[in-house]
Protein backbone atom coordinates (compact mmCIF):
# COMPACT_ATOMS: atom_id res chain seq x y z
CA MET A 1 1.39 -7.87 -6.98
CA SER A 2 -0.30 -5.07 -8.87
CA PHE A 3 -0.90 -1.48 -7.87
CA THR A 4 -3.56 1.05 -8.73
CA ASP A 5 -2.61 4.23 -10.54
CA ASP A 6 -3.11 6.17 -7.29
CA GLU A 7 -0.81 3.81 -5.37
CA TYR A 8 1.83 4.07 -8.07
CA ALA A 9 1.60 7.89 -8.02
CA GLU A 10 1.87 7.94 -4.21
CA ALA A 11 4.96 5.70 -4.29
CA LEU A 12 6.57 7.92 -6.93
CA SER A 13 5.81 11.01 -4.85
CA LEU A 14 7.35 9.41 -1.75
CA LYS A 15 10.51 8.42 -3.62
CA SER A 16 10.83 11.94 -5.05
CA ALA A 17 10.48 13.38 -1.53
CA VAL A 18 13.25 11.05 -0.31
CA LEU A 19 15.55 12.32 -3.04
CA ASP A 20 14.65 15.96 -2.32
CA ASN A 21 15.50 15.56 1.37
CA TRP A 22 18.54 13.25 1.25
CA LYS A 23 21.31 15.58 0.11
CA ASP A 24 23.69 12.73 -0.81
CA LEU A 25 21.18 11.47 -3.40
CA LYS A 26 19.66 14.78 -4.50
CA THR A 27 20.95 14.36 -8.06
CA SER A 28 19.95 10.69 -8.32
CA SER A 29 16.93 9.43 -10.22
CA VAL A 30 13.92 7.68 -8.73
CA GLN A 31 14.98 4.58 -10.65
CA ALA A 32 18.47 4.71 -9.12
CA LEU A 33 16.99 5.05 -5.60
CA THR A 34 14.69 2.11 -6.23
CA GLU A 35 17.40 -0.16 -7.69
CA THR A 36 20.04 0.81 -5.12
CA PHE A 37 18.10 0.83 -1.86
CA LEU A 38 14.59 -0.55 -2.27
CA LEU A 39 14.88 -3.70 -4.38
CA ARG A 40 16.57 -5.92 -1.81
CA ASN A 41 16.29 -9.41 -0.49
CA GLY A 42 15.38 -9.64 3.14
CA SER A 43 13.37 -11.44 5.76
CA LEU A 44 10.59 -10.39 8.09
CA ASN A 45 10.26 -12.34 11.35
CA LYS A 46 7.84 -11.97 14.23
CA LYS A 47 9.57 -11.61 17.60
CA GLU A 48 7.13 -11.69 20.51
CA ILE A 49 4.89 -8.67 19.81
CA ASN A 50 7.19 -6.87 17.37
CA TRP A 51 8.79 -7.66 14.01
CA ASP A 52 12.42 -7.83 12.83
CA LEU A 53 13.16 -6.86 9.23
CA HIS A 54 16.58 -8.00 8.02
CA VAL A 55 17.65 -6.36 4.76
CA GLU A 56 20.44 -7.66 2.53
CA ARG A 57 23.52 -5.44 2.88
CA LYS A 58 25.18 -3.80 -0.12
CA GLY A 59 28.06 -1.40 -0.65
CA PHE A 60 25.90 1.69 -1.02
CA ASP A 61 24.52 1.15 2.49
CA ILE A 62 27.26 3.37 3.85
CA LEU A 63 25.10 6.28 2.67
CA LEU A 64 22.31 5.20 5.03
CA ASP A 65 24.35 6.65 7.90
CA ARG A 66 23.84 10.06 6.30
CA LEU A 67 20.06 9.92 6.12
CA PRO A 68 18.44 12.93 7.81
CA TRP A 69 15.94 10.58 9.54
CA GLY A 70 16.14 7.28 11.35
CA ILE A 71 15.22 3.94 9.80
CA SER A 72 16.14 1.42 12.49
CA ILE A 73 12.77 1.46 14.29
CA ILE A 74 9.48 1.93 12.48
CA LYS A 75 6.24 2.72 14.32
CA LEU A 76 3.17 3.10 12.16
CA PRO A 77 0.10 4.78 13.68
CA TRP A 78 -2.24 1.96 12.64
CA ASN A 79 -0.13 -0.84 14.21
CA ASN A 80 0.38 -1.79 17.84
CA TYR A 81 3.85 -3.15 17.18
CA LEU A 82 7.29 -1.90 16.18
CA ILE A 83 9.37 -2.99 13.21
CA TYR A 84 13.09 -3.22 13.98
CA VAL A 85 15.12 -2.82 10.77
CA ASN A 86 18.59 -4.35 10.46
CA TRP A 87 20.62 -3.20 7.44
């Protein structure tokens, strides 16, 4: 998969915002965030009208409990379904 320069810049901006707002990772790098939390194996399965996303668990996941926002249910404005995330 390839990304445009604008998409890459938007992703970098989003990751930087995550680090700025997650006090436990405030001193971490974008690369560390990506390698620790975003590059994971997982599976996405359709369940009736919604989706279940199962993400591979790792030791650092204990920090997810300290996120200042929820990640277990995702509702995007352009979709009519929910994504249930299981870490």
